[in-house]
C-alpha atoms as a PDB file:
ATOM      1  CA  MET A   1       0.170  10.296  12.991  1.00  0.00           C
ATOM      2  CA  ASN A   2       3.384   8.464  13.280  1.00  0.00           C
ATOM      3  CA  GLU A   3       2.766   5.320  11.176  1.00  0.00           C
ATOM      4  CA  ILE A   4       0.526   3.965   8.401  1.00  0.00           C
ATOM      5  CA  ILE A   5       0.174   0.307   7.403  1.00  0.00           C
ATOM      6  CA  PHE A   6      -0.522  -0.968   3.895  1.00  0.00           C
ATOM      7  CA  THR A   7      -1.494  -4.506   2.949  1.00  0.00           C
ATOM      8  CA  VAL A   8       0.197  -5.426  -0.332  1.00  0.00           C
ATOM      9  CA  LYS A   9      -0.953  -8.387  -2.405  1.00  0.00           C
ATOM     10  CA  ASP A  10      -0.698  -9.791  -5.909  1.00  0.00           C
ATOM     11  CA  SER A  11      -3.215  -8.315  -8.285  1.00  0.00           C
ATOM     12  CA  PRO A  12      -5.416 -10.720 -10.334  1.00  0.00           C
ATOM     13  CA  GLU A  13      -4.561  -8.683 -13.415  1.00  0.00           C
ATOM     14  CA  GLY A  14      -0.778  -8.848 -12.650  1.00  0.00           C
ATOM     15  CA  GLY A  15       1.401  -6.566 -10.601  1.00  0.00           C
ATOM     16  CA  TYR A  16       0.478  -5.551  -7.047  1.00  0.00           C
ATOM     17  CA  GLU A  17      -2.351  -3.832  -5.126  1.00  0.00           C
ATOM     18  CA  ALA A  18      -1.945  -1.948  -1.852  1.00  0.00           C
ATOM     19  CA  GLU A  19      -4.566  -0.724   0.583  1.00  0.00           C
ATOM     20  CA  ALA A  20      -4.098   1.368   3.724  1.00  0.00           C
ATOM     21  CA  LEU A  21      -5.554   0.112   6.988  1.00  0.00           C
ATOM     22  CA  GLY A  22      -7.911   2.672   8.496  1.00  0.00           C
ATOM     23  CA  HIS A  23      -7.727   5.109   5.558  1.00  0.00           C
ATOM     24  CA  SER A  24      -9.306   5.308   2.100  1.00  0.00           C
ATOM     25  CA  ILE A  25      -6.072   4.888   0.195  1.00  0.00           C
ATOM     26  CA  PHE A  26      -5.729   2.294  -2.575  1.00  0.00           C
ATOM     27  CA  THR A  27      -3.049   2.051  -5.297  1.00  0.00           C
ATOM     28  CA  GLU A  28      -1.569  -0.442  -7.719  1.00  0.00           C
ATOM     29  CA  ALA A  29       1.568  -0.913  -9.756  1.00  0.00           C
ATOM     30  CA  ASP A  30       3.342  -3.335 -12.061  1.00  0.00           C
ATOM     31  CA  ASP A  31       6.371  -4.021  -9.878  1.00  0.00           C
ATOM     32  CA  MET A  32       7.425  -3.547  -6.263  1.00  0.00           C
ATOM     33  CA  GLU A  33       9.645  -0.488  -6.831  1.00  0.00           C
ATOM     34  CA  ALA A  34       6.799   1.231  -8.675  1.00  0.00           C
ATOM     35  CA  MET A  35       4.440   0.162  -5.870  1.00  0.00           C
ATOM     36  CA  LYS A  36       6.582   1.830  -3.217  1.00  0.00           C
ATOM     37  CA  GLU A  37       6.693   5.070  -5.226  1.00  0.00           C
ATOM     38  CA  SER A  38       2.924   4.867  -5.840  1.00  0.00           C
ATOM     39  CA  ILE A  39       2.278   4.458  -2.110  1.00  0.00           C
ATOM     40  CA  ARG A  40       4.399   7.507  -1.310  1.00  0.00           C
ATOM     41  CA  ASP A  41       2.519   9.512  -3.942  1.00  0.00           C
ATOM     42  CA  ALA A  42      -0.856   8.338  -2.621  1.00  0.00           C
ATOM     43  CA  ILE A  43       0.104   9.365   0.948  1.00  0.00           C
ATOM     44  CA  PHE A  44       1.266  12.750  -0.296  1.00  0.00           C
ATOM     45  CA  CYS A  45      -2.105  13.296  -2.033  1.00  0.00           C
ATOM     46  CA  HIS A  46      -4.222  11.976   0.884  1.00  0.00           C
ATOM     47  CA  PHE A  47      -2.440  13.955   3.614  1.00  0.00           C
ATOM     48  CA  GLU A  48      -2.129  17.442   2.118  1.00  0.00           C
ATOM     49  CA  ASP A  49      -0.770  18.911   5.349  1.00  0.00           C
ATOM     50  CA  GLN A  50       2.813  17.782   5.906  1.00  0.00           C
ATOM     51  CA  ASP A  51       2.293  17.733   9.689  1.00  0.00           C
ATOM     52  CA  ASP A  52      -0.522  15.117   9.237  1.00  0.00           C
ATOM     53  CA  ARG A  53       1.541  12.762   7.064  1.00  0.00           C
ATOM     54  CA  PRO A  54       2.838   9.552   8.753  1.00  0.00           C
ATOM     55  CA  LYS A  55       6.523   9.375   9.406  1.00  0.00           C
ATOM     56  CA  ILE A  56       6.697   5.556   8.880  1.00  0.00           C
ATOM     57  CA  ILE A  57       5.105   3.549   6.095  1.00  0.00           C
ATOM     58  CA  ARG A  58       4.815  -0.151   6.997  1.00  0.00           C
ATOM     59  CA  LEU A  59       4.111  -2.669   4.227  1.00  0.00           C
ATOM     60  CA  HIS A  60       2.436  -5.938   5.165  1.00  0.00           C
ATOM     61  CA  TYR A  61       2.801  -8.449   2.285  1.00  0.00           C
ATOM     62  CA  VAL A  62      -0.111 -10.888   1.949  1.00  0.00           C
ATOM     63  CA  LYS A  63       0.377 -14.050  -0.021  1.00  0.00           C
ATOM     64  CA  GLU A  64      -2.752 -16.163  -0.594  1.00  0.00           C
ATOM     65  CA  GLU A  65      -2.285 -19.818  -1.427  1.00  0.00           C
ATOM     66  CA  ILE A  66      -4.831 -22.569  -2.007  1.00  0.00           C
ATOM     67  CA  LEU A  67      -3.986 -26.137  -1.135  1.00  0.00           C
ATOM     68  CA  ALA A  68      -5.892 -29.238  -2.275  1.00  0.00           C
ATOM     69  CA  ALA A  69      -7.386 -31.167   0.630  1.00  0.00           C
END
């Protein structure tokens, strides 16, 4: 695998949540620097074999907004 994509969004409890597309990987953190480290740790745990780990981690930031009609 060459690349893995995570959607990153604001958590209702504060901080951030991230979920991998196509894999059962979910993590959360209080700030963005901690989120990046948490994602790296989650990938390391999920892909035990170094050859299976993705070489590129792509973060897709999702911002949800509600507008009054």
